[in-house]
Amino acid sequence: MLLIHCPYCQEERSELEFRGAGDAHIARPADIASISDEEFEAYFFLRDNPKGLIFERWRHIHGCGRFFNAVRDTVSDKFLMTYKAGEPKPVVGAAAEKHAPVETYEALEGEAQ
């Protein structure tokens, strides 16, 4: 079980109390009615799925109910830090972003037959 720190409640709670709410720090269009369909698609639907550190929005649904942001490593699923919504995106060390290549069947055994 993951323990997630809520920056509002100031305590670590079970992951079962939280819900992910997508990427954090998304640049939203100033006038959404004036953008093209392609721009709307890119803003609303298309997201990166990087290996390593990502910035996400979370909600403490079974606690204080507030949204907050988190820095999470997609390889280890470890939360590096959480911070209140509205705070600027933190600078996280580059050393934490480095990972060894993921071992796959194809890399170890060759092409699947």
PDB file of N, CA and C in Angstrom:
ATOM      1  N   MET A   1       0.838  -1.162   0.000  1.00  0.00           N
ATOM      2  CA  MET A   1       0.000   0.000   0.000  1.00  0.00           C
ATOM      3  C   MET A   1       0.894   1.239   0.000  1.00  0.00           C
ATOM      4  N   LEU A   2       0.487   2.230  -0.775  1.00  0.00           N
ATOM      5  CA  LEU A   2       1.198   3.505  -0.805  1.00  0.00           C
ATOM      6  C   LEU A   2       0.674   4.413   0.294  1.00  0.00           C
ATOM      7  N   LEU A   3       1.567   5.172   0.871  1.00  0.00           N
ATOM      8  CA  LEU A   3       1.178   6.228   1.796  1.00  0.00           C
ATOM      9  C   LEU A   3       1.437   7.550   1.097  1.00  0.00           C
ATOM     10  N   ILE A   4       0.429   8.405   1.090  1.00  0.00           N
ATOM     11  CA  ILE A   4       0.526   9.703   0.415  1.00  0.00           C
ATOM     12  C   ILE A   4       0.368  10.791   1.468  1.00  0.00           C
ATOM     13  N   HIS A   5       1.263  11.758   1.425  1.00  0.00           N
ATOM     14  CA  HIS A   5       1.231  12.876   2.373  1.00  0.00           C
ATOM     15  C   HIS A   5       0.296  13.962   1.842  1.00  0.00           C
ATOM     16  N   CYS A   6      -0.726  14.321   2.613  1.00  0.00           N
ATOM     17  CA  CYS A   6      -1.615  15.422   2.242  1.00  0.00           C
ATOM     18  C   CYS A   6      -1.020  16.703   2.810  1.00  0.00           C
ATOM     19  N   PRO A   7      -0.705  17.682   1.958  1.00  0.00           N
ATOM     20  CA  PRO A   7      -0.096  18.914   2.460  1.00  0.00           C
ATOM     21  C   PRO A   7      -1.056  19.790   3.259  1.00  0.00           C
ATOM     22  N   TYR A   8      -2.354  19.522   3.187  1.00  0.00           N
ATOM     23  CA  TYR A   8      -3.331  20.287   3.956  1.00  0.00           C
ATOM     24  C   TYR A   8      -3.578  19.649   5.325  1.00  0.00           C
ATOM     25  N   CYS A   9      -3.761  18.333   5.361  1.00  0.00           N
ATOM     26  CA  CYS A   9      -3.976  17.627   6.624  1.00  0.00           C
ATOM     27  C   CYS A   9      -2.675  17.435   7.401  1.00  0.00           C
ATOM     28  N   GLN A  10      -1.553  17.535   6.715  1.00  0.00           N
ATOM     29  CA  GLN A  10      -0.222  17.353   7.297  1.00  0.00           C
ATOM     30  C   GLN A  10      -0.030  15.958   7.892  1.00  0.00           C
ATOM     31  N   GLU A  11      -0.502  14.936   7.146  1.00  0.00           N
ATOM     32  CA  GLU A  11      -0.272  13.564   7.589  1.00  0.00           C
ATOM     33  C   GLU A  11      -0.267  12.630   6.390  1.00  0.00           C
ATOM     34  N   GLU A  12       0.390  11.487   6.562  1.00  0.00           N
ATOM     35  CA  GLU A  12       0.404  10.465   5.527  1.00  0.00           C
ATOM     36  C   GLU A  12      -0.798   9.554   5.725  1.00  0.00           C
ATOM     37  N   ARG A  13      -1.491   9.294   4.618  1.00  0.00           N
ATOM     38  CA  ARG A  13      -2.680   8.464   4.659  1.00  0.00           C
ATOM     39  C   ARG A  13      -2.593   7.416   3.549  1.00  0.00           C
ATOM     40  N   SER A  14      -3.430   6.395   3.641  1.00  0.00           N
ATOM     41  CA  SER A  14      -3.468   5.320   2.660  1.00  0.00           C
ATOM     42  C   SER A  14      -3.871   5.856   1.286  1.00  0.00           C
ATOM     43  N   GLU A  15      -3.316   5.248   0.263  1.00  0.00           N
ATOM     44  CA  GLU A  15      -3.659   5.632  -1.111  1.00  0.00           C
ATOM     45  C   GLU A  15      -5.150   5.489  -1.399  1.00  0.00           C
ATOM     46  N   LEU A  16      -5.858   4.669  -0.622  1.00  0.00           N
ATOM     47  CA  LEU A  16      -7.287   4.454  -0.828  1.00  0.00           C
ATOM     48  C   LEU A  16      -8.109   5.707  -0.552  1.00  0.00           C
ATOM     49  N   GLU A  17      -7.529   6.670   0.173  1.00  0.00           N
ATOM     50  CA  GLU A  17      -8.229   7.917   0.481  1.00  0.00           C
ATOM     51  C   GLU A  17      -8.091   8.964  -0.620  1.00  0.00           C
ATOM     52  N   PHE A  18      -7.288   8.686  -1.640  1.00  0.00           N
ATOM     53  CA  PHE A  18      -6.959   9.682  -2.652  1.00  0.00           C
ATOM     54  C   PHE A  18      -7.415   9.242  -4.037  1.00  0.00           C
ATOM     55  N   ARG A  19      -7.574  10.216  -4.912  1.00  0.00           N
ATOM     56  CA  ARG A  19      -7.865   9.964  -6.327  1.00  0.00           C
ATOM     57  C   ARG A  19      -6.953  10.847  -7.171  1.00  0.00           C
ATOM     58  N   GLY A  20      -6.365  10.244  -8.188  1.00  0.00           N
ATOM     59  CA  GLY A  20      -5.565  11.011  -9.132  1.00  0.00           C
ATOM     60  C   GLY A  20      -6.460  11.872 -10.001  1.00  0.00           C
ATOM     61  N   ALA A  21      -5.963  13.047 -10.376  1.00  0.00           N
ATOM     62  CA  ALA A  21      -6.777  13.976 -11.171  1.00  0.00           C
ATOM     63  C   ALA A  21      -6.012  14.480 -12.393  1.00  0.00           C
ATOM     64  N   GLY A  22      -5.049  13.709 -12.872  1.00  0.00           N
ATOM     65  CA  GLY A  22      -4.348  14.073 -14.097  1.00  0.00           C
ATOM     66  C   GLY A  22      -3.097  14.905 -13.870  1.00  0.00           C
ATOM     67  N   ASP A  23      -2.592  15.436 -14.967  1.00  0.00           N
ATOM     68  CA  ASP A  23      -1.357  16.213 -14.945  1.00  0.00           C
ATOM     69  C   ASP A  23      -1.551  17.535 -14.214  1.00  0.00           C
ATOM     70  N   ALA A  24      -0.494  17.966 -13.559  1.00  0.00           N
ATOM     71  CA  ALA A  24      -0.488  19.277 -12.903  1.00  0.00           C
ATOM     72  C   ALA A  24       0.213  20.281 -13.808  1.00  0.00           C
ATOM     73  N   HIS A  25      -0.025  21.539 -13.576  1.00  0.00           N
ATOM     74  CA  HIS A  25       0.645  22.649 -14.264  1.00  0.00           C
ATOM     75  C   HIS A  25       0.387  22.650 -15.773  1.00  0.00           C
ATOM     76  N   ILE A  26      -0.822  22.339 -16.182  1.00  0.00           N
ATOM     77  CA  ILE A  26      -1.198  22.383 -17.593  1.00  0.00           C
ATOM     78  C   ILE A  26      -1.523  23.831 -17.956  1.00  0.00           C
ATOM     79  N   ALA A  27      -0.970  24.303 -19.062  1.00  0.00           N
ATOM     80  CA  ALA A  27      -1.271  25.661 -19.532  1.00  0.00           C
ATOM     81  C   ALA A  27      -2.645  25.640 -20.198  1.00  0.00           C
ATOM     82  N   ARG A  28      -3.598  26.264 -19.560  1.00  0.00           N
ATOM     83  CA  ARG A  28      -4.966  26.290 -20.082  1.00  0.00           C
ATOM     84  C   ARG A  28      -5.153  27.480 -21.020  1.00  0.00           C
ATOM     85  N   PRO A  29      -5.905  27.312 -22.109  1.00  0.00           N
ATOM     86  CA  PRO A  29      -6.138  28.425 -23.037  1.00  0.00           C
ATOM     87  C   PRO A  29      -6.880  29.573 -22.355  1.00  0.00           C
ATOM     88  N   ALA A  30      -6.505  30.807 -22.692  1.00  0.00           N
ATOM     89  CA  ALA A  30      -7.160  31.983 -22.110  1.00  0.00           C
ATOM     90  C   ALA A  30      -8.614  32.082 -22.582  1.00  0.00           C
ATOM     91  N   ASP A  31      -8.846  31.825 -23.872  1.00  0.00           N
ATOM     92  CA  ASP A  31     -10.197  31.881 -24.424  1.00  0.00           C
ATOM     93  C   ASP A  31     -10.452  30.566 -25.161  1.00  0.00           C
ATOM     94  N   ILE A  32     -10.974  29.595 -24.458  1.00  0.00           N
ATOM     95  CA  ILE A  32     -11.130  28.250 -25.021  1.00  0.00           C
ATOM     96  C   ILE A  32     -12.088  28.218 -26.203  1.00  0.00           C
ATOM     97  N   ALA A  33     -13.008  29.154 -26.275  1.00  0.00           N
ATOM     98  CA  ALA A  33     -13.973  29.184 -27.376  1.00  0.00           C
ATOM     99  C   ALA A  33     -13.330  29.588 -28.695  1.00  0.00           C
ATOM    100  N   SER A  34     -12.171  30.222 -28.650  1.00  0.00           N
ATOM    101  CA  SER A  34     -11.553  30.721 -29.878  1.00  0.00           C
ATOM    102  C   SER A  34     -10.471  29.793 -30.446  1.00  0.00           C
ATOM    103  N   ILE A  35     -10.164  28.685 -29.774  1.00  0.00           N
ATOM    104  CA  ILE A  35      -9.107  27.814 -30.286  1.00  0.00           C
ATOM    105  C   ILE A  35      -9.667  26.828 -31.305  1.00  0.00           C
ATOM    106  N   SER A  36      -8.784  26.301 -32.141  1.00  0.00           N
ATOM    107  CA  SER A  36      -9.200  25.344 -33.179  1.00  0.00           C
ATOM    108  C   SER A  36      -9.483  23.980 -32.546  1.00  0.00           C
ATOM    109  N   ASP A  37     -10.103  23.106 -33.330  1.00  0.00           N
ATOM    110  CA  ASP A  37     -10.387  21.755 -32.855  1.00  0.00           C
ATOM    111  C   ASP A  37      -9.096  21.006 -32.532  1.00  0.00           C
ATOM    112  N   GLU A  38      -8.066  21.206 -33.352  1.00  0.00           N
ATOM    113  CA  GLU A  38      -6.784  20.537 -33.126  1.00  0.00           C
ATOM    114  C   GLU A  38      -6.131  21.030 -31.843  1.00  0.00           C
ATOM    115  N   GLU A  39      -6.201  22.336 -31.585  1.00  0.00           N
ATOM    116  CA  GLU A  39      -5.640  22.884 -30.354  1.00  0.00           C
ATOM    117  C   GLU A  39      -6.416  22.385 -29.130  1.00  0.00           C
ATOM    118  N   PHE A  40      -7.749  22.286 -29.263  1.00  0.00           N
ATOM    119  CA  PHE A  40      -8.558  21.767 -28.164  1.00  0.00           C
ATOM    120  C   PHE A  40      -8.215  20.307 -27.897  1.00  0.00           C
ATOM    121  N   GLU A  41      -8.053  19.528 -28.959  1.00  0.00           N
ATOM    122  CA  GLU A  41      -7.688  18.122 -28.803  1.00  0.00           C
ATOM    123  C   GLU A  41      -6.364  17.995 -28.053  1.00  0.00           C
ATOM    124  N   ALA A  42      -5.366  18.786 -28.463  1.00  0.00           N
ATOM    125  CA  ALA A  42      -4.058  18.729 -27.815  1.00  0.00           C
ATOM    126  C   ALA A  42      -4.153  19.128 -26.344  1.00  0.00           C
ATOM    127  N   TYR A  43      -4.936  20.149 -26.041  1.00  0.00           N
ATOM    128  CA  TYR A  43      -5.083  20.611 -24.654  1.00  0.00           C
ATOM    129  C   TYR A  43      -5.858  19.609 -23.799  1.00  0.00           C
ATOM    130  N   PHE A  44      -6.981  19.115 -24.311  1.00  0.00           N
ATOM    131  CA  PHE A  44      -7.909  18.341 -23.501  1.00  0.00           C
ATOM    132  C   PHE A  44      -7.577  16.848 -23.417  1.00  0.00           C
ATOM    133  N   PHE A  45      -7.094  16.255 -24.520  1.00  0.00           N
ATOM    134  CA  PHE A  45      -6.937  14.807 -24.578  1.00  0.00           C
ATOM    135  C   PHE A  45      -5.500  14.307 -24.536  1.00  0.00           C
ATOM    136  N   LEU A  46      -4.578  15.008 -25.166  1.00  0.00           N
ATOM    137  CA  LEU A  46      -3.238  14.471 -25.356  1.00  0.00           C
ATOM    138  C   LEU A  46      -2.333  14.782 -24.165  1.00  0.00           C
ATOM    139  N   ARG A  47      -1.761  13.737 -23.594  1.00  0.00           N
ATOM    140  CA  ARG A  47      -0.848  13.875 -22.464  1.00  0.00           C
ATOM    141  C   ARG A  47       0.389  13.025 -22.715  1.00  0.00           C
ATOM    142  N   ASP A  48       1.496  13.481 -22.163  1.00  0.00           N
ATOM    143  CA  ASP A  48       2.721  12.686 -22.222  1.00  0.00           C
ATOM    144  C   ASP A  48       2.619  11.568 -21.188  1.00  0.00           C
ATOM    145  N   ASN A  49       3.364  10.515 -21.407  1.00  0.00           N
ATOM    146  CA  ASN A  49       3.431   9.416 -20.449  1.00  0.00           C
ATOM    147  C   ASN A  49       4.907   9.094 -20.233  1.00  0.00           C
ATOM    148  N   PRO A  50       5.631  10.020 -19.577  1.00  0.00           N
ATOM    149  CA  PRO A  50       7.079   9.848 -19.475  1.00  0.00           C
ATOM    150  C   PRO A  50       7.483   8.796 -18.445  1.00  0.00           C
ATOM    151  N   LYS A  51       8.663   8.275 -18.638  1.00  0.00           N
ATOM    152  CA  LYS A  51       9.276   7.384 -17.663  1.00  0.00           C
ATOM    153  C   LYS A  51      10.095   8.273 -16.735  1.00  0.00           C
ATOM    154  N   GLY A  52       9.817   8.221 -15.471  1.00  0.00           N
ATOM    155  CA  GLY A  52      10.547   9.050 -14.517  1.00  0.00           C
ATOM    156  C   GLY A  52       9.602   9.935 -13.725  1.00  0.00           C
ATOM    157  N   LEU A  53      10.051  11.156 -13.449  1.00  0.00           N
ATOM    158  CA  LEU A  53       9.286  12.059 -12.608  1.00  0.00           C
ATOM    159  C   LEU A  53       8.173  12.747 -13.376  1.00  0.00           C
ATOM    160  N   ILE A  54       7.003  12.790 -12.747  1.00  0.00           N
ATOM    161  CA  ILE A  54       5.871  13.524 -13.310  1.00  0.00           C
ATOM    162  C   ILE A  54       5.229  14.365 -12.206  1.00  0.00           C
ATOM    163  N   PHE A  55       4.543  15.406 -12.633  1.00  0.00           N
ATOM    164  CA  PHE A  55       3.830  16.292 -11.716  1.00  0.00           C
ATOM    165  C   PHE A  55       2.339  16.048 -11.929  1.00  0.00           C
ATOM    166  N   GLU A  56       1.651  15.648 -10.864  1.00  0.00           N
ATOM    167  CA  GLU A  56       0.246  15.271 -10.972  1.00  0.00           C
ATOM    168  C   GLU A  56      -0.608  16.036  -9.964  1.00  0.00           C
ATOM    169  N   ARG A  57      -1.910  16.118 -10.284  1.00  0.00           N
ATOM    170  CA  ARG A  57      -2.902  16.637  -9.331  1.00  0.00           C
ATOM    171  C   ARG A  57      -3.542  15.449  -8.639  1.00  0.00           C
ATOM    172  N   TRP A  58      -3.770  15.579  -7.346  1.00  0.00           N
ATOM    173  CA  TRP A  58      -4.439  14.549  -6.567  1.00  0.00           C
ATOM    174  C   TRP A  58      -5.493  15.209  -5.700  1.00  0.00           C
ATOM    175  N   ARG A  59      -6.466  14.417  -5.271  1.00  0.00           N
ATOM    176  CA  ARG A  59      -7.499  14.922  -4.370  1.00  0.00           C
ATOM    177  C   ARG A  59      -7.631  13.982  -3.180  1.00  0.00           C
ATOM    178  N   HIS A  60      -7.644  14.542  -1.999  1.00  0.00           N
ATOM    179  CA  HIS A  60      -7.823  13.760  -0.763  1.00  0.00           C
ATOM    180  C   HIS A  60      -9.329  13.563  -0.563  1.00  0.00           C
ATOM    181  N   ILE A  61      -9.875  12.681  -1.346  1.00  0.00           N
ATOM    182  CA  ILE A  61     -11.319  12.508  -1.470  1.00  0.00           C
ATOM    183  C   ILE A  61     -11.982  12.051  -0.164  1.00  0.00           C
ATOM    184  N   HIS A  62     -11.321  11.194   0.605  1.00  0.00           N
ATOM    185  CA  HIS A  62     -11.893  10.688   1.861  1.00  0.00           C
ATOM    186  C   HIS A  62     -11.217  11.325   3.066  1.00  0.00           C
ATOM    187  N   GLY A  63     -10.794  12.557   2.894  1.00  0.00           N
ATOM    188  CA  GLY A  63     -10.170  13.309   3.980  1.00  0.00           C
ATOM    189  C   GLY A  63     -10.679  14.734   3.912  1.00  0.00           C
ATOM    190  N   CYS A  64      -9.771  15.651   3.659  1.00  0.00           N
ATOM    191  CA  CYS A  64     -10.147  17.069   3.615  1.00  0.00           C
ATOM    192  C   CYS A  64     -10.855  17.446   2.317  1.00  0.00           C
ATOM    193  N   GLY A  65     -10.758  16.602   1.284  1.00  0.00           N
ATOM    194  CA  GLY A  65     -11.437  16.857   0.020  1.00  0.00           C
ATOM    195  C   GLY A  65     -10.724  17.841  -0.885  1.00  0.00           C
ATOM    196  N   ARG A  66      -9.541  18.297  -0.510  1.00  0.00           N
ATOM    197  CA  ARG A  66      -8.848  19.335  -1.277  1.00  0.00           C
ATOM    198  C   ARG A  66      -7.914  18.739  -2.326  1.00  0.00           C
ATOM    199  N   PHE A  67      -7.713  19.518  -3.398  1.00  0.00           N
ATOM    200  CA  PHE A  67      -6.759  19.155  -4.439  1.00  0.00           C
ATOM    201  C   PHE A  67      -5.372  19.611  -4.031  1.00  0.00           C
ATOM    202  N   PHE A  68      -4.364  18.837  -4.430  1.00  0.00           N
ATOM    203  CA  PHE A  68      -2.966  19.210  -4.230  1.00  0.00           C
ATOM    204  C   PHE A  68      -2.155  18.614  -5.363  1.00  0.00           C
ATOM    205  N   ASN A  69      -0.902  18.996  -5.439  1.00  0.00           N
ATOM    206  CA  ASN A  69      -0.007  18.486  -6.480  1.00  0.00           C
ATOM    207  C   ASN A  69       1.022  17.557  -5.860  1.00  0.00           C
ATOM    208  N   ALA A  70       1.520  16.639  -6.672  1.00  0.00           N
ATOM    209  CA  ALA A  70       2.517  15.678  -6.207  1.00  0.00           C
ATOM    210  C   ALA A  70       3.552  15.442  -7.286  1.00  0.00           C
ATOM    211  N   VAL A  71       4.763  15.144  -6.851  1.00  0.00           N
ATOM    212  CA  VAL A  71       5.828  14.707  -7.746  1.00  0.00           C
ATOM    213  C   VAL A  71       5.959  13.208  -7.512  1.00  0.00           C
ATOM    214  N   ARG A  72       5.743  12.430  -8.589  1.00  0.00           N
ATOM    215  CA  ARG A  72       5.765  10.967  -8.462  1.00  0.00           C
ATOM    216  C   ARG A  72       6.680  10.378  -9.517  1.00  0.00           C
ATOM    217  N   ASP A  73       7.396   9.334  -9.137  1.00  0.00           N
ATOM    218  CA  ASP A  73       8.268   8.603 -10.055  1.00  0.00           C
ATOM    219  C   ASP A  73       7.454   7.468 -10.666  1.00  0.00           C
ATOM    220  N   THR A  74       7.288   7.471 -11.984  1.00  0.00           N
ATOM    221  CA  THR A  74       6.463   6.452 -12.642  1.00  0.00           C
ATOM    222  C   THR A  74       7.126   5.078 -12.674  1.00  0.00           C
ATOM    223  N   VAL A  75       8.428   5.015 -12.460  1.00  0.00           N
ATOM    224  CA  VAL A  75       9.121   3.725 -12.465  1.00  0.00           C
ATOM    225  C   VAL A  75       8.919   3.008 -11.128  1.00  0.00           C
ATOM    226  N   SER A  76       9.162   3.710 -10.038  1.00  0.00           N
ATOM    227  CA  SER A  76       9.054   3.101  -8.709  1.00  0.00           C
ATOM    228  C   SER A  76       7.681   3.329  -8.074  1.00  0.00           C
ATOM    229  N   ASP A  77       6.868   4.229  -8.635  1.00  0.00           N
ATOM    230  CA  ASP A  77       5.565   4.634  -8.110  1.00  0.00           C
ATOM    231  C   ASP A  77       5.706   5.340  -6.764  1.00  0.00           C
ATOM    232  N   LYS A  78       6.890   5.864  -6.489  1.00  0.00           N
ATOM    233  CA  LYS A  78       7.159   6.546  -5.222  1.00  0.00           C
ATOM    234  C   LYS A  78       6.814   8.029  -5.343  1.00  0.00           C
ATOM    235  N   PHE A  79       6.161   8.568  -4.315  1.00  0.00           N
ATOM    236  CA  PHE A  79       5.879   9.993  -4.245  1.00  0.00           C
ATOM    237  C   PHE A  79       7.099  10.685  -3.643  1.00  0.00           C
ATOM    238  N   LEU A  80       7.713  11.593  -4.382  1.00  0.00           N
ATOM    239  CA  LEU A  80       8.878  12.299  -3.876  1.00  0.00           C
ATOM    240  C   LEU A  80       8.481  13.461  -2.987  1.00  0.00           C
ATOM    241  N   MET A  81       7.389  14.136  -3.338  1.00  0.00           N
ATOM    242  CA  MET A  81       6.906  15.245  -2.531  1.00  0.00           C
ATOM    243  C   MET A  81       5.487  15.601  -2.931  1.00  0.00           C
ATOM    244  N   THR A  82       4.787  16.264  -2.031  1.00  0.00           N
ATOM    245  CA  THR A  82       3.475  16.826  -2.331  1.00  0.00           C
ATOM    246  C   THR A  82       3.497  18.289  -1.917  1.00  0.00           C
ATOM    247  N   TYR A  83       2.668  19.090  -2.561  1.00  0.00           N
ATOM    248  CA  TYR A  83       2.605  20.511  -2.245  1.00  0.00           C
ATOM    249  C   TYR A  83       1.223  21.033  -2.594  1.00  0.00           C
ATOM    250  N   LYS A  84       0.862  22.140  -1.961  1.00  0.00           N
ATOM    251  CA  LYS A  84      -0.485  22.685  -2.095  1.00  0.00           C
ATOM    252  C   LYS A  84      -0.757  23.187  -3.512  1.00  0.00           C
ATOM    253  N   ALA A  85      -1.995  23.053  -3.943  1.00  0.00           N
ATOM    254  CA  ALA A  85      -2.421  23.570  -5.248  1.00  0.00           C
ATOM    255  C   ALA A  85      -2.192  25.076  -5.267  1.00  0.00           C
ATOM    256  N   GLY A  86      -1.743  25.577  -6.391  1.00  0.00           N
ATOM    257  CA  GLY A  86      -1.480  27.003  -6.524  1.00  0.00           C
ATOM    258  C   GLY A  86      -0.036  27.373  -6.257  1.00  0.00           C
ATOM    259  N   GLU A  87       0.715  26.486  -5.606  1.00  0.00           N
ATOM    260  CA  GLU A  87       2.132  26.748  -5.396  1.00  0.00           C
ATOM    261  C   GLU A  87       2.880  26.489  -6.697  1.00  0.00           C
ATOM    262  N   PRO A  88       4.013  27.179  -6.919  1.00  0.00           N
ATOM    263  CA  PRO A  88       4.754  26.969  -8.167  1.00  0.00           C
ATOM    264  C   PRO A  88       5.343  25.564  -8.258  1.00  0.00           C
ATOM    265  N   LYS A  89       5.583  25.155  -9.477  1.00  0.00           N
ATOM    266  CA  LYS A  89       6.181  23.848  -9.742  1.00  0.00           C
ATOM    267  C   LYS A  89       7.583  23.812  -9.137  1.00  0.00           C
ATOM    268  N   PRO A  90       7.868  22.852  -8.266  1.00  0.00           N
ATOM    269  CA  PRO A  90       9.178  22.820  -7.618  1.00  0.00           C
ATOM    270  C   PRO A  90      10.277  22.325  -8.557  1.00  0.00           C
ATOM    271  N   VAL A  91      11.486  22.719  -8.266  1.00  0.00           N
ATOM    272  CA  VAL A  91      12.653  22.220  -8.997  1.00  0.00           C
ATOM    273  C   VAL A  91      13.088  20.944  -8.286  1.00  0.00           C
ATOM    274  N   VAL A  92      13.136  19.861  -9.043  1.00  0.00           N
ATOM    275  CA  VAL A  92      13.501  18.563  -8.475  1.00  0.00           C
ATOM    276  C   VAL A  92      14.831  18.164  -9.080  1.00  0.00           C
ATOM    277  N   GLY A  93      15.714  17.595  -8.265  1.00  0.00           N
ATOM    278  CA  GLY A  93      17.054  17.214  -8.710  1.00  0.00           C
ATOM    279  C   GLY A  93      17.050  16.278  -9.895  1.00  0.00           C
ATOM    280  N   ALA A  94      17.973  16.523 -10.821  1.00  0.00           N
ATOM    281  CA  ALA A  94      18.079  15.692 -12.027  1.00  0.00           C
ATOM    282  C   ALA A  94      18.533  14.279 -11.695  1.00  0.00           C
ATOM    283  N   ALA A  95      19.244  14.094 -10.579  1.00  0.00           N
ATOM    284  CA  ALA A  95      19.725  12.763 -10.209  1.00  0.00           C
ATOM    285  C   ALA A  95      18.570  11.809  -9.945  1.00  0.00           C
ATOM    286  N   ALA A  96      17.462  12.318  -9.471  1.00  0.00           N
ATOM    287  CA  ALA A  96      16.308  11.465  -9.179  1.00  0.00           C
ATOM    288  C   ALA A  96      15.618  10.988 -10.448  1.00  0.00           C
ATOM    289  N   GLU A  97      15.901  11.608 -11.588  1.00  0.00           N
ATOM    290  CA  GLU A  97      15.216  11.265 -12.829  1.00  0.00           C
ATOM    291  C   GLU A  97      15.899  10.146 -13.603  1.00  0.00           C
ATOM    292  N   LYS A  98      17.101   9.767 -13.230  1.00  0.00           N
ATOM    293  CA  LYS A  98      17.858   8.773 -13.982  1.00  0.00           C
ATOM    294  C   LYS A  98      17.423   7.367 -13.594  1.00  0.00           C
ATOM    295  N   HIS A  99      17.172   6.533 -14.611  1.00  0.00           N
ATOM    296  CA  HIS A  99      16.778   5.157 -14.381  1.00  0.00           C
ATOM    297  C   HIS A  99      17.512   4.253 -15.349  1.00  0.00           C
ATOM    298  N   ALA A 100      17.740   3.048 -14.909  1.00  0.00           N
ATOM    299  CA  ALA A 100      18.320   2.045 -15.796  1.00  0.00           C
ATOM    300  C   ALA A 100      17.270   1.627 -16.815  1.00  0.00           C
ATOM    301  N   PRO A 101      17.700   1.117 -17.966  1.00  0.00           N
ATOM    302  CA  PRO A 101      16.714   0.658 -18.958  1.00  0.00           C
ATOM    303  C   PRO A 101      15.835  -0.449 -18.380  1.00  0.00           C
ATOM    304  N   VAL A 102      14.587  -0.453 -18.791  1.00  0.00           N
ATOM    305  CA  VAL A 102      13.649  -1.476 -18.330  1.00  0.00           C
ATOM    306  C   VAL A 102      13.946  -2.770 -19.090  1.00  0.00           C
ATOM    307  N   GLU A 103      14.049  -3.875 -18.347  1.00  0.00           N
ATOM    308  CA  GLU A 103      14.309  -5.158 -18.983  1.00  0.00           C
ATOM    309  C   GLU A 103      12.999  -5.702 -19.544  1.00  0.00           C
ATOM    310  N   THR A 104      13.009  -6.050 -20.800  1.00  0.00           N
ATOM    311  CA  THR A 104      11.845  -6.643 -21.440  1.00  0.00           C
ATOM    312  C   THR A 104      12.187  -8.044 -21.915  1.00  0.00           C
ATOM    313  N   TYR A 105      11.180  -8.801 -22.254  1.00  0.00           N
ATOM    314  CA  TYR A 105      11.409 -10.144 -22.778  1.00  0.00           C
ATOM    315  C   TYR A 105      12.265 -10.093 -24.038  1.00  0.00           C
ATOM    316  N   GLU A 106      11.931  -9.139 -24.920  1.00  0.00           N
ATOM    317  CA  GLU A 106      12.666  -9.028 -26.183  1.00  0.00           C
ATOM    318  C   GLU A 106      14.139  -8.698 -25.945  1.00  0.00           C
ATOM    319  N   ALA A 107      14.417  -7.855 -24.963  1.00  0.00           N
ATOM    320  CA  ALA A 107      15.807  -7.505 -24.683  1.00  0.00           C
ATOM    321  C   ALA A 107      16.576  -8.685 -24.102  1.00  0.00           C
ATOM    322  N   LEU A 108      15.903  -9.532 -23.318  1.00  0.00           N
ATOM    323  CA  LEU A 108      16.583 -10.654 -22.686  1.00  0.00           C
ATOM    324  C   LEU A 108      16.605 -11.921 -23.530  1.00  0.00           C
ATOM    325  N   GLU A 109      15.512 -12.168 -24.241  1.00  0.00           N
ATOM    326  CA  GLU A 109      15.351 -13.443 -24.936  1.00  0.00           C
ATOM    327  C   GLU A 109      15.277 -13.323 -26.448  1.00  0.00           C
ATOM    328  N   GLY A 110      15.190 -12.146 -26.965  1.00  0.00           N
ATOM    329  CA  GLY A 110      15.004 -11.973 -28.401  1.00  0.00           C
ATOM    330  C   GLY A 110      13.545 -11.804 -28.732  1.00  0.00           C
ATOM    331  N   GLU A 111      13.224 -11.716 -30.003  1.00  0.00           N
ATOM    332  CA  GLU A 111      11.851 -11.506 -30.440  1.00  0.00           C
ATOM    333  C   GLU A 111      10.955 -12.693 -30.056  1.00  0.00           C
ATOM    334  N   ALA A 112       9.757 -12.385 -29.586  1.00  0.00           N
ATOM    335  CA  ALA A 112       8.784 -13.421 -29.234  1.00  0.00           C
ATOM    336  C   ALA A 112       8.310 -14.111 -30.505  1.00  0.00           C
ATOM    337  N   GLN A 113       8.162 -15.407 -30.444  1.00  0.00           N
ATOM    338  CA  GLN A 113       7.755 -16.186 -31.619  1.00  0.00           C
ATOM    339  C   GLN A 113       6.348 -16.702 -31.444  1.00  0.00           C
TER     340      GLN A 113
END
